[in-house]
Amino acid sequence: MKSENDLRELIDIALAVRGKAYAPYSKYAVGAALRTGSGKIYTGVNVENSSYPLTICAERNAIFHAITEGDSDFETIVVATENGGSPCGACRQVMAEFALDMNVVMVDKSGKIILQATVDELLPEAFTPKSLRK
């Protein structure tokens, strides 16, 4: 993270965007704010669906938004939930595809940091593009 102010900005953005989550079934709103190497910030929220497997998590929503803009130099993602919950396995795998060294910060609804780790720490021995044989 570039500075404490940069981290606080990401936390504030993740908390704010969390209010836009569509979570009528779980009632577990999640907001994510992703900063890339260029300094650009991409946001995402969880969007649930009555056909549960079609739900998209906030983390993947933010990452896919960045990818559609041609940006994949991921530095830090802040995930804001009610209780500082950790990214699911699918989100960890998507993060590992792009940036094992990305900083992942989980905060609760008050913005308190619950856990801070790299993707590599959250998903040791990750299956990545390097795992595929040519």
Protein backbone atom coordinates (compact mmCIF):
# COMPACT_ATOMS: atom_id res chain seq x y z
CA MET A 1 0.00 0.00 0.00
CA LYS A 2 1.35 3.36 -0.94
CA SER A 3 0.31 5.09 2.30
CA GLU A 4 -2.06 4.92 5.21
CA ASN A 5 -4.18 7.61 3.51
CA ASP A 6 -4.42 5.49 0.36
CA LEU A 7 -5.62 2.54 2.42
CA ARG A 8 -8.14 4.69 4.30
CA GLU A 9 -9.47 5.97 0.96
CA LEU A 10 -9.98 2.41 -0.29
CA ILE A 11 -11.69 1.42 2.97
CA ASP A 12 -14.05 4.39 2.74
CA ILE A 13 -14.90 3.60 -0.88
CA ALA A 14 -15.53 -0.09 -0.12
CA LEU A 15 -17.79 0.85 2.78
CA ALA A 16 -19.72 3.36 0.65
CA VAL A 17 -20.22 1.05 -2.31
CA ARG A 18 -21.31 -1.77 0.04
CA GLY A 19 -24.58 0.14 0.38
CA LYS A 20 -25.30 -0.57 -3.29
CA ALA A 21 -25.08 -4.36 -2.93
CA TYR A 22 -28.04 -6.42 -4.05
CA ALA A 23 -28.36 -9.06 -1.33
CA PRO A 24 -32.07 -9.76 -0.77
CA TYR A 25 -31.50 -13.44 0.08
CA SER A 26 -28.43 -13.56 2.33
CA LYS A 27 -28.78 -9.99 3.65
CA TYR A 28 -24.94 -10.02 3.63
CA ALA A 29 -23.90 -6.94 1.69
CA VAL A 30 -20.32 -6.81 0.45
CA GLY A 31 -18.42 -3.91 -1.12
CA ALA A 32 -14.99 -4.04 -2.72
CA ALA A 33 -12.54 -1.36 -3.80
CA LEU A 34 -9.56 -2.39 -5.94
CA ARG A 35 -6.56 -0.14 -6.60
CA THR A 36 -4.28 -0.85 -9.54
CA GLY A 37 -0.70 0.18 -10.20
CA SER A 38 -1.92 3.18 -12.19
CA GLY A 39 -3.75 4.43 -9.09
CA LYS A 40 -7.17 3.82 -10.63
CA ILE A 41 -9.85 2.42 -8.31
CA TYR A 42 -12.48 -0.08 -9.42
CA THR A 43 -15.46 -1.01 -7.26
CA GLY A 44 -17.76 -3.97 -7.02
CA VAL A 45 -20.64 -5.26 -4.93
CA ASN A 46 -22.20 -8.64 -4.49
CA VAL A 47 -25.23 -9.15 -6.72
CA GLU A 48 -27.40 -12.08 -5.69
CA ASN A 49 -29.82 -14.00 -7.87
CA SER A 50 -32.81 -16.18 -7.01
CA SER A 51 -30.89 -18.92 -8.85
CA TYR A 52 -28.14 -18.85 -6.20
CA PRO A 53 -25.20 -20.10 -8.31
CA LEU A 54 -25.62 -17.08 -10.59
CA THR A 55 -24.66 -14.71 -7.78
CA ILE A 56 -21.48 -12.66 -8.26
CA CYS A 57 -19.23 -11.64 -5.39
CA ALA A 58 -18.06 -8.05 -4.89
CA GLU A 59 -14.39 -9.00 -5.28
CA ARG A 60 -14.86 -10.68 -8.66
CA ASN A 61 -17.18 -7.87 -9.74
CA ALA A 62 -14.42 -5.29 -9.08
CA ILE A 63 -11.72 -7.43 -10.71
CA PHE A 64 -13.80 -8.09 -13.83
CA HIS A 65 -14.61 -4.38 -14.05
CA ALA A 66 -10.87 -3.60 -14.06
CA ILE A 67 -10.21 -6.27 -16.69
CA THR A 68 -12.89 -4.83 -18.98
CA GLU A 69 -11.02 -1.51 -18.76
CA GLY A 70 -7.74 -3.24 -19.73
CA ASP A 71 -6.25 -2.89 -16.24
CA SER A 72 -4.77 -5.95 -14.53
CA ASP A 73 -1.92 -4.56 -12.42
CA PHE A 74 -3.66 -5.17 -9.10
CA GLU A 75 -2.09 -3.81 -5.90
CA THR A 76 -4.71 -3.77 -3.13
CA ILE A 77 -8.33 -4.80 -2.69
CA VAL A 78 -10.42 -3.86 0.31
CA VAL A 79 -13.42 -6.06 1.07
CA ALA A 80 -16.07 -4.53 3.36
CA THR A 81 -18.67 -6.72 5.07
CA GLU A 82 -20.76 -6.63 8.22
CA ASN A 83 -18.15 -8.55 10.20
CA GLY A 84 -14.94 -8.44 8.15
CA GLY A 85 -15.59 -11.71 6.34
CA SER A 86 -12.94 -13.22 4.12
CA PRO A 87 -13.17 -13.72 0.33
CA CYS A 88 -14.63 -17.04 -0.80
CA GLY A 89 -12.58 -19.68 -2.60
CA ALA A 90 -13.79 -18.61 -6.05
CA CYS A 91 -12.71 -15.03 -5.39
CA ARG A 92 -9.34 -16.18 -4.07
CA GLN A 93 -8.81 -18.22 -7.23
CA VAL A 94 -9.68 -15.27 -9.48
CA MET A 95 -7.31 -13.05 -7.48
CA ALA A 96 -4.56 -15.68 -7.85
CA GLU A 97 -4.99 -15.61 -11.63
CA PHE A 98 -3.73 -12.04 -11.68
CA ALA A 99 -1.76 -11.14 -8.55
CA LEU A 100 -0.52 -13.51 -5.87
CA ASP A 101 1.21 -10.56 -4.22
CA MET A 102 -1.92 -8.36 -4.12
CA ASN A 103 -2.74 -7.02 -0.67
CA VAL A 104 -6.20 -8.11 0.53
CA VAL A 105 -7.71 -6.10 3.39
CA MET A 106 -10.90 -7.23 5.12
CA VAL A 107 -12.83 -4.64 7.12
CA ASP A 108 -16.03 -4.69 9.13
CA LYS A 109 -18.95 -2.28 8.80
CA SER A 110 -17.14 0.33 10.92
CA GLY A 111 -14.01 0.20 8.73
CA LYS A 112 -11.94 -1.65 11.31
CA ILE A 113 -9.31 -3.85 9.68
CA ILE A 114 -9.99 -7.46 10.66
CA LEU A 115 -7.32 -9.12 8.54
CA GLN A 116 -4.70 -8.06 6.02
CA ALA A 117 -2.87 -10.65 3.88
CA THR A 118 -1.58 -11.30 0.38
CA VAL A 119 -3.49 -13.52 -2.02
CA ASP A 120 -0.64 -16.03 -1.71
CA GLU A 121 -1.18 -16.16 2.06
CA LEU A 122 -4.94 -16.64 1.59
CA LEU A 123 -4.49 -19.32 -1.09
CA PRO A 124 -1.19 -21.15 -0.62
CA GLU A 125 -0.10 -23.42 -3.46
CA ALA A 126 -2.59 -21.68 -5.77
CA PHE A 127 -3.31 -23.06 -9.21
CA THR A 128 -2.18 -20.29 -11.55
CA PRO A 129 -1.37 -19.89 -15.24
CA LYS A 130 2.17 -21.08 -14.39
CA SER A 131 0.63 -24.40 -13.30
CA LEU A 132 -0.40 -25.20 -16.87
CA ARG A 133 2.06 -27.11 -19.02
CA LYS A 134 2.86 -25.88 -22.49
